[in-house]
Amino acid sequence: KKLGLERAKKSSYLFQSLLTGGAKLAFGSDWP
């Protein structure tokens, strides 16, 4: 809604792209 469908698909939560690029992921919750 805020970015538009195509823009959101290309930019949002790119976990596998980060891994493919050689980044280390650290998962968390940001609780609460």
PDB file of all heavy atoms in Angstrom:
ATOM      1  N   LYS A   1       0.824  -1.213   0.000  1.00  0.00           N
ATOM      2  CA  LYS A   1       0.000   0.000   0.000  1.00  0.00           C
ATOM      3  C   LYS A   1       0.859   1.265   0.000  1.00  0.00           C
ATOM      4  O   LYS A   1       0.569   2.231  -0.702  1.00  0.00           O
ATOM      5  CB  LYS A   1      -0.917  -0.014   1.226  1.00  0.00           C
ATOM      6  CG  LYS A   1      -1.805   1.206   1.363  1.00  0.00           C
ATOM      7  CD  LYS A   1      -2.673   1.092   2.611  1.00  0.00           C
ATOM      8  CE  LYS A   1      -3.545   2.345   2.777  1.00  0.00           C
ATOM      9  NZ  LYS A   1      -4.368   2.269   4.009  1.00  0.00           N
ATOM     10  N   LYS A   2       1.933   1.250   0.767  1.00  0.00           N
ATOM     11  CA  LYS A   2       2.740   2.454   0.962  1.00  0.00           C
ATOM     12  C   LYS A   2       3.799   2.645  -0.129  1.00  0.00           C
ATOM     13  O   LYS A   2       4.215   3.766  -0.407  1.00  0.00           O
ATOM     14  CB  LYS A   2       3.406   2.427   2.336  1.00  0.00           C
ATOM     15  CG  LYS A   2       2.417   2.511   3.495  1.00  0.00           C
ATOM     16  CD  LYS A   2       3.114   2.300   4.829  1.00  0.00           C
ATOM     17  CE  LYS A   2       2.115   2.256   5.975  1.00  0.00           C
ATOM     18  NZ  LYS A   2       1.499   3.570   6.233  1.00  0.00           N
ATOM     19  N   LEU A   3       4.256   1.525  -0.710  1.00  0.00           N
ATOM     20  CA  LEU A   3       5.325   1.602  -1.705  1.00  0.00           C
ATOM     21  C   LEU A   3       4.868   1.280  -3.118  1.00  0.00           C
ATOM     22  O   LEU A   3       5.568   1.599  -4.080  1.00  0.00           O
ATOM     23  CB  LEU A   3       6.461   0.637  -1.328  1.00  0.00           C
ATOM     24  CG  LEU A   3       7.088   0.804   0.060  1.00  0.00           C
ATOM     25  CD1 LEU A   3       8.155  -0.263   0.283  1.00  0.00           C
ATOM     26  CD2 LEU A   3       7.673   2.198   0.234  1.00  0.00           C
ATOM     27  N   GLY A   4       3.739   0.620  -3.225  1.00  0.00           N
ATOM     28  CA  GLY A   4       3.308   0.109  -4.514  1.00  0.00           C
ATOM     29  C   GLY A   4       3.795  -1.317  -4.702  1.00  0.00           C
ATOM     30  O   GLY A   4       4.841  -1.704  -4.162  1.00  0.00           O
ATOM     31  N   LEU A   5       3.057  -2.130  -5.440  1.00  0.00           N
ATOM     32  CA  LEU A   5       3.333  -3.557  -5.546  1.00  0.00           C
ATOM     33  C   LEU A   5       4.735  -3.844  -6.073  1.00  0.00           C
ATOM     34  O   LEU A   5       5.503  -4.596  -5.457  1.00  0.00           O
ATOM     35  CB  LEU A   5       2.288  -4.232  -6.440  1.00  0.00           C
ATOM     36  CG  LEU A   5       2.483  -5.730  -6.692  1.00  0.00           C
ATOM     37  CD1 LEU A   5       2.444  -6.496  -5.375  1.00  0.00           C
ATOM     38  CD2 LEU A   5       1.419  -6.260  -7.643  1.00  0.00           C
ATOM     39  N   GLU A   6       5.107  -3.276  -7.196  1.00  0.00           N
ATOM     40  CA  GLU A   6       6.397  -3.601  -7.803  1.00  0.00           C
ATOM     41  C   GLU A   6       7.562  -3.143  -6.938  1.00  0.00           C
ATOM     42  O   GLU A   6       8.550  -3.851  -6.778  1.00  0.00           O
ATOM     43  CB  GLU A   6       6.482  -2.991  -9.205  1.00  0.00           C
ATOM     44  CG  GLU A   6       5.586  -3.674 -10.223  1.00  0.00           C
ATOM     45  CD  GLU A   6       5.846  -5.171 -10.299  1.00  0.00           C
ATOM     46  OE1 GLU A   6       7.030  -5.568 -10.388  1.00  0.00           O
ATOM     47  OE2 GLU A   6       4.870  -5.936 -10.257  1.00  0.00           O
ATOM     48  N   ARG A   7       7.445  -1.964  -6.404  1.00  0.00           N
ATOM     49  CA  ARG A   7       8.514  -1.428  -5.553  1.00  0.00           C
ATOM     50  C   ARG A   7       8.663  -2.263  -4.288  1.00  0.00           C
ATOM     51  O   ARG A   7       9.781  -2.566  -3.863  1.00  0.00           O
ATOM     52  CB  ARG A   7       8.178   0.022  -5.212  1.00  0.00           C
ATOM     53  CG  ARG A   7       9.263   0.814  -4.516  1.00  0.00           C
ATOM     54  CD  ARG A   7       8.817   2.264  -4.503  1.00  0.00           C
ATOM     55  NE  ARG A   7       9.412   3.030  -3.427  1.00  0.00           N
ATOM     56  CZ  ARG A   7       8.870   4.129  -2.912  1.00  0.00           C
ATOM     57  NH1 ARG A   7       7.711   4.573  -3.375  1.00  0.00           N
ATOM     58  NH2 ARG A   7       9.484   4.796  -1.944  1.00  0.00           N
ATOM     59  N   ALA A   8       7.550  -2.672  -3.702  1.00  0.00           N
ATOM     60  CA  ALA A   8       7.595  -3.496  -2.491  1.00  0.00           C
ATOM     61  C   ALA A   8       8.224  -4.856  -2.786  1.00  0.00           C
ATOM     62  O   ALA A   8       9.037  -5.362  -2.003  1.00  0.00           O
ATOM     63  CB  ALA A   8       6.193  -3.679  -1.918  1.00  0.00           C
ATOM     64  N   LYS A   9       7.867  -5.465  -3.922  1.00  0.00           N
ATOM     65  CA  LYS A   9       8.402  -6.783  -4.279  1.00  0.00           C
ATOM     66  C   LYS A   9       9.909  -6.753  -4.491  1.00  0.00           C
ATOM     67  O   LYS A   9      10.614  -7.710  -4.189  1.00  0.00           O
ATOM     68  CB  LYS A   9       7.714  -7.305  -5.539  1.00  0.00           C
ATOM     69  CG  LYS A   9       6.293  -7.805  -5.319  1.00  0.00           C
ATOM     70  CD  LYS A   9       5.638  -8.179  -6.627  1.00  0.00           C
ATOM     71  CE  LYS A   9       6.342  -9.331  -7.311  1.00  0.00           C
ATOM     72  NZ  LYS A   9       5.646  -9.743  -8.547  1.00  0.00           N
ATOM     73  N   LYS A  10      10.411  -5.656  -5.004  1.00  0.00           N
ATOM     74  CA  LYS A  10      11.837  -5.572  -5.305  1.00  0.00           C
ATOM     75  C   LYS A  10      12.691  -5.223  -4.086  1.00  0.00           C
ATOM     76  O   LYS A  10      13.902  -5.424  -4.117  1.00  0.00           O
ATOM     77  CB  LYS A  10      12.070  -4.527  -6.401  1.00  0.00           C
ATOM     78  CG  LYS A  10      11.519  -4.916  -7.760  1.00  0.00           C
ATOM     79  CD  LYS A  10      11.723  -3.791  -8.768  1.00  0.00           C
ATOM     80  CE  LYS A  10      11.148  -4.159 -10.132  1.00  0.00           C
ATOM     81  NZ  LYS A  10      11.297  -3.037 -11.096  1.00  0.00           N
ATOM     82  N   SER A  11      12.061  -4.686  -3.039  1.00  0.00           N
ATOM     83  CA  SER A  11      12.876  -4.107  -1.965  1.00  0.00           C
ATOM     84  C   SER A  11      12.667  -4.700  -0.578  1.00  0.00           C
ATOM     85  O   SER A  11      13.473  -4.442   0.316  1.00  0.00           O
ATOM     86  CB  SER A  11      12.597  -2.597  -1.879  1.00  0.00           C
ATOM     87  OG  SER A  11      11.289  -2.334  -1.376  1.00  0.00           O
ATOM     88  N   SER A  12      11.630  -5.492  -0.352  1.00  0.00           N
ATOM     89  CA  SER A  12      11.191  -5.782   1.015  1.00  0.00           C
ATOM     90  C   SER A  12      11.661  -7.132   1.557  1.00  0.00           C
ATOM     91  O   SER A  12      11.429  -8.172   0.944  1.00  0.00           O
ATOM     92  CB  SER A  12       9.657  -5.738   1.074  1.00  0.00           C
ATOM     93  OG  SER A  12       9.178  -4.480   0.645  1.00  0.00           O
ATOM     94  N   TYR A  13      12.339  -7.097   2.695  1.00  0.00           N
ATOM     95  CA  TYR A  13      12.741  -8.305   3.419  1.00  0.00           C
ATOM     96  C   TYR A  13      13.505  -9.269   2.506  1.00  0.00           C
ATOM     97  O   TYR A  13      13.120 -10.425   2.314  1.00  0.00           O
ATOM     98  CB  TYR A  13      11.518  -8.987   4.040  1.00  0.00           C
ATOM     99  CG  TYR A  13      10.792  -8.121   5.034  1.00  0.00           C
ATOM    100  CD1 TYR A  13       9.721  -7.327   4.653  1.00  0.00           C
ATOM    101  CD2 TYR A  13      11.206  -8.076   6.363  1.00  0.00           C
ATOM    102  CE1 TYR A  13       9.076  -6.504   5.567  1.00  0.00           C
ATOM    103  CE2 TYR A  13      10.573  -7.263   7.278  1.00  0.00           C
ATOM    104  CZ  TYR A  13       9.502  -6.473   6.877  1.00  0.00           C
ATOM    105  OH  TYR A  13       8.871  -5.657   7.793  1.00  0.00           O
ATOM    106  N   LEU A  14      14.624  -8.809   2.004  1.00  0.00           N
ATOM    107  CA  LEU A  14      15.384  -9.563   1.005  1.00  0.00           C
ATOM    108  C   LEU A  14      16.381 -10.498   1.679  1.00  0.00           C
ATOM    109  O   LEU A  14      17.597 -10.412   1.473  1.00  0.00           O
ATOM    110  CB  LEU A  14      16.101  -8.595   0.061  1.00  0.00           C
ATOM    111  CG  LEU A  14      15.214  -7.556  -0.629  1.00  0.00           C
ATOM    112  CD1 LEU A  14      16.030  -6.705  -1.589  1.00  0.00           C
ATOM    113  CD2 LEU A  14      14.055  -8.225  -1.371  1.00  0.00           C
ATOM    114  N   PHE A  15      15.869 -11.450   2.449  1.00  0.00           N
ATOM    115  CA  PHE A  15      16.738 -12.320   3.249  1.00  0.00           C
ATOM    116  C   PHE A  15      17.659 -13.177   2.379  1.00  0.00           C
ATOM    117  O   PHE A  15      18.857 -13.279   2.628  1.00  0.00           O
ATOM    118  CB  PHE A  15      15.896 -13.222   4.157  1.00  0.00           C
ATOM    119  CG  PHE A  15      14.987 -12.496   5.098  1.00  0.00           C
ATOM    120  CD1 PHE A  15      13.797 -13.066   5.526  1.00  0.00           C
ATOM    121  CD2 PHE A  15      15.311 -11.228   5.569  1.00  0.00           C
ATOM    122  CE1 PHE A  15      12.959 -12.405   6.400  1.00  0.00           C
ATOM    123  CE2 PHE A  15      14.476 -10.554   6.445  1.00  0.00           C
ATOM    124  CZ  PHE A  15      13.287 -11.146   6.850  1.00  0.00           C
ATOM    125  N   GLN A  16      17.089 -13.833   1.375  1.00  0.00           N
ATOM    126  CA  GLN A  16      17.911 -14.704   0.543  1.00  0.00           C
ATOM    127  C   GLN A  16      18.892 -13.892  -0.301  1.00  0.00           C
ATOM    128  O   GLN A  16      20.027 -14.322  -0.521  1.00  0.00           O
ATOM    129  CB  GLN A  16      17.023 -15.567  -0.365  1.00  0.00           C
ATOM    130  CG  GLN A  16      17.791 -16.608  -1.171  1.00  0.00           C
ATOM    131  CD  GLN A  16      18.621 -17.545  -0.308  1.00  0.00           C
ATOM    132  OE1 GLN A  16      18.121 -18.101   0.682  1.00  0.00           O
ATOM    133  NE2 GLN A  16      19.896 -17.716  -0.627  1.00  0.00           N
ATOM    134  N   SER A  17      18.492 -12.727  -0.750  1.00  0.00           N
ATOM    135  CA  SER A  17      19.414 -11.874  -1.506  1.00  0.00           C
ATOM    136  C   SER A  17      20.593 -11.456  -0.641  1.00  0.00           C
ATOM    137  O   SER A  17      21.734 -11.391  -1.117  1.00  0.00           O
ATOM    138  CB  SER A  17      18.684 -10.633  -2.028  1.00  0.00           C
ATOM    139  OG  SER A  17      17.742 -10.975  -3.015  1.00  0.00           O
ATOM    140  N   LEU A  18      20.342 -11.173   0.625  1.00  0.00           N
ATOM    141  CA  LEU A  18      21.423 -10.834   1.544  1.00  0.00           C
ATOM    142  C   LEU A  18      22.384 -12.007   1.694  1.00  0.00           C
ATOM    143  O   LEU A  18      23.607 -11.841   1.647  1.00  0.00           O
ATOM    144  CB  LEU A  18      20.848 -10.427   2.904  1.00  0.00           C
ATOM    145  CG  LEU A  18      20.207  -9.037   2.955  1.00  0.00           C
ATOM    146  CD1 LEU A  18      19.303  -8.907   4.179  1.00  0.00           C
ATOM    147  CD2 LEU A  18      21.276  -7.948   2.984  1.00  0.00           C
ATOM    148  N   LEU A  19      21.834 -13.227   1.844  1.00  0.00           N
ATOM    149  CA  LEU A  19      22.678 -14.417   1.958  1.00  0.00           C
ATOM    150  C   LEU A  19      23.469 -14.656   0.683  1.00  0.00           C
ATOM    151  O   LEU A  19      24.673 -14.953   0.721  1.00  0.00           O
ATOM    152  CB  LEU A  19      21.820 -15.637   2.278  1.00  0.00           C
ATOM    153  CG  LEU A  19      21.274 -15.761   3.700  1.00  0.00           C
ATOM    154  CD1 LEU A  19      20.340 -16.959   3.806  1.00  0.00           C
ATOM    155  CD2 LEU A  19      22.404 -15.890   4.707  1.00  0.00           C
ATOM    156  N   THR A  20      22.808 -14.530  -0.447  1.00  0.00           N
ATOM    157  CA  THR A  20      23.472 -14.754  -1.731  1.00  0.00           C
ATOM    158  C   THR A  20      24.624 -13.771  -1.930  1.00  0.00           C
ATOM    159  O   THR A  20      25.672 -14.110  -2.497  1.00  0.00           O
ATOM    160  CB  THR A  20      22.466 -14.619  -2.886  1.00  0.00           C
ATOM    161  OG1 THR A  20      21.411 -15.585  -2.702  1.00  0.00           O
ATOM    162  CG2 THR A  20      23.133 -14.848  -4.230  1.00  0.00           C
ATOM    163  N   GLY A  21      24.450 -12.563  -1.400  1.00  0.00           N
ATOM    164  CA  GLY A  21      25.492 -11.555  -1.501  1.00  0.00           C
ATOM    165  C   GLY A  21      26.611 -11.710  -0.494  1.00  0.00           C
ATOM    166  O   GLY A  21      27.546 -10.905  -0.482  1.00  0.00           O
ATOM    167  N   GLY A  22      26.508 -12.736   0.362  1.00  0.00           N
ATOM    168  CA  GLY A  22      27.580 -13.013   1.317  1.00  0.00           C
ATOM    169  C   GLY A  22      27.404 -12.395   2.682  1.00  0.00           C
ATOM    170  O   GLY A  22      28.326 -12.435   3.513  1.00  0.00           O
ATOM    171  N   ALA A  23      26.231 -11.842   2.971  1.00  0.00           N
ATOM    172  CA  ALA A  23      25.992 -11.234   4.283  1.00  0.00           C
ATOM    173  C   ALA A  23      25.665 -12.300   5.315  1.00  0.00           C
ATOM    174  O   ALA A  23      25.147 -13.376   4.992  1.00  0.00           O
ATOM    175  CB  ALA A  23      24.852 -10.224   4.202  1.00  0.00           C
ATOM    176  N   LYS A  24      25.969 -12.016   6.561  1.00  0.00           N
ATOM    177  CA  LYS A  24      25.521 -12.842   7.680  1.00  0.00           C
ATOM    178  C   LYS A  24      24.202 -12.274   8.202  1.00  0.00           C
ATOM    179  O   LYS A  24      24.083 -11.071   8.438  1.00  0.00           O
ATOM    180  CB  LYS A  24      26.562 -12.825   8.810  1.00  0.00           C
ATOM    181  CG  LYS A  24      27.784 -13.690   8.550  1.00  0.00           C
ATOM    182  CD  LYS A  24      27.505 -15.159   8.879  1.00  0.00           C
ATOM    183  CE  LYS A  24      28.726 -16.026   8.608  1.00  0.00           C
ATOM    184  NZ  LYS A  24      29.814 -15.801   9.569  1.00  0.00           N
ATOM    185  N   LEU A  25      23.220 -13.156   8.382  1.00  0.00           N
ATOM    186  CA  LEU A  25      21.947 -12.764   8.967  1.00  0.00           C
ATOM    187  C   LEU A  25      21.937 -13.079  10.452  1.00  0.00           C
ATOM    188  O   LEU A  25      22.442 -14.111  10.883  1.00  0.00           O
ATOM    189  CB  LEU A  25      20.784 -13.505   8.302  1.00  0.00           C
ATOM    190  CG  LEU A  25      20.520 -13.265   6.813  1.00  0.00           C
ATOM    191  CD1 LEU A  25      19.287 -14.056   6.383  1.00  0.00           C
ATOM    192  CD2 LEU A  25      20.336 -11.793   6.523  1.00  0.00           C
ATOM    193  N   ALA A  26      21.360 -12.187  11.221  1.00  0.00           N
ATOM    194  CA  ALA A  26      21.090 -12.448  12.634  1.00  0.00           C
ATOM    195  C   ALA A  26      19.600 -12.206  12.839  1.00  0.00           C
ATOM    196  O   ALA A  26      19.124 -11.084  12.631  1.00  0.00           O
ATOM    197  CB  ALA A  26      21.919 -11.530  13.527  1.00  0.00           C
ATOM    198  N   PHE A  27      18.859 -13.254  13.195  1.00  0.00           N
ATOM    199  CA  PHE A  27      17.412 -13.145  13.336  1.00  0.00           C
ATOM    200  C   PHE A  27      17.031 -12.707  14.752  1.00  0.00           C
ATOM    201  O   PHE A  27      17.690 -13.063  15.734  1.00  0.00           O
ATOM    202  CB  PHE A  27      16.737 -14.484  13.046  1.00  0.00           C
ATOM    203  CG  PHE A  27      16.554 -14.796  11.582  1.00  0.00           C
ATOM    204  CD1 PHE A  27      16.042 -16.028  11.189  1.00  0.00           C
ATOM    205  CD2 PHE A  27      16.881 -13.884  10.591  1.00  0.00           C
ATOM    206  CE1 PHE A  27      15.856 -16.339   9.851  1.00  0.00           C
ATOM    207  CE2 PHE A  27      16.719 -14.178   9.249  1.00  0.00           C
ATOM    208  CZ  PHE A  27      16.198 -15.423   8.881  1.00  0.00           C
ATOM    209  N   GLY A  28      15.941 -11.977  14.829  1.00  0.00           N
ATOM    210  CA  GLY A  28      15.412 -11.552  16.120  1.00  0.00           C
ATOM    211  C   GLY A  28      13.940 -11.216  15.993  1.00  0.00           C
ATOM    212  O   GLY A  28      13.321 -11.438  14.948  1.00  0.00           O
ATOM    213  N   SER A  29      13.384 -10.633  17.059  1.00  0.00           N
ATOM    214  CA  SER A  29      11.955 -10.350  17.088  1.00  0.00           C
ATOM    215  C   SER A  29      11.633  -8.867  17.170  1.00  0.00           C
ATOM    216  O   SER A  29      10.565  -8.441  16.749  1.00  0.00           O
ATOM    217  CB  SER A  29      11.317 -11.047  18.295  1.00  0.00           C
ATOM    218  OG  SER A  29      11.831 -10.504  19.511  1.00  0.00           O
ATOM    219  N   ASP A  30      12.529  -8.065  17.765  1.00  0.00           N
ATOM    220  CA  ASP A  30      12.239  -6.672  18.108  1.00  0.00           C
ATOM    221  C   ASP A  30      11.143  -6.601  19.170  1.00  0.00           C
ATOM    222  O   ASP A  30      10.442  -5.601  19.283  1.00  0.00           O
ATOM    223  CB  ASP A  30      11.836  -5.871  16.860  1.00  0.00           C
ATOM    224  CG  ASP A  30      12.023  -4.374  17.032  1.00  0.00           C
ATOM    225  OD1 ASP A  30      12.670  -3.960  18.022  1.00  0.00           O
ATOM    226  OD2 ASP A  30      11.504  -3.602  16.194  1.00  0.00           O
ATOM    227  N   TRP A  31      11.017  -7.676  19.958  1.00  0.00           N
ATOM    228  CA  TRP A  31       9.992  -7.704  21.005  1.00  0.00           C
ATOM    229  C   TRP A  31      10.102  -6.474  21.895  1.00  0.00           C
ATOM    230  O   TRP A  31      11.214  -6.065  22.221  1.00  0.00           O
ATOM    231  CB  TRP A  31      10.171  -8.991  21.847  1.00  0.00           C
ATOM    232  CG  TRP A  31       9.096  -9.210  22.857  1.00  0.00           C
ATOM    233  CD1 TRP A  31       7.775  -9.476  22.623  1.00  0.00           C
ATOM    234  CD2 TRP A  31       9.240  -9.215  24.282  1.00  0.00           C
ATOM    235  NE1 TRP A  31       7.096  -9.639  23.803  1.00  0.00           N
ATOM    236  CE2 TRP A  31       7.977  -9.474  24.840  1.00  0.00           C
ATOM    237  CE3 TRP A  31      10.337  -9.005  25.145  1.00  0.00           C
ATOM    238  CZ2 TRP A  31       7.756  -9.546  26.218  1.00  0.00           C
ATOM    239  CZ3 TRP A  31      10.118  -9.076  26.517  1.00  0.00           C
ATOM    240  CH2 TRP A  31       8.851  -9.341  27.045  1.00  0.00           C
ATOM    241  N   PRO A  32       8.989  -5.813  22.250  1.00  0.00           N
ATOM    242  CA  PRO A  32       7.595  -6.222  22.068  1.00  0.00           C
ATOM    243  C   PRO A  32       6.934  -5.752  20.776  1.00  0.00           C
ATOM    244  O   PRO A  32       5.709  -5.828  20.659  1.00  0.00           O
ATOM    245  CB  PRO A  32       6.913  -5.583  23.271  1.00  0.00           C
ATOM    246  CG  PRO A  32       7.653  -4.308  23.471  1.00  0.00           C
ATOM    247  CD  PRO A  32       9.089  -4.625  23.141  1.00  0.00           C
TER     248      PRO A  32
END
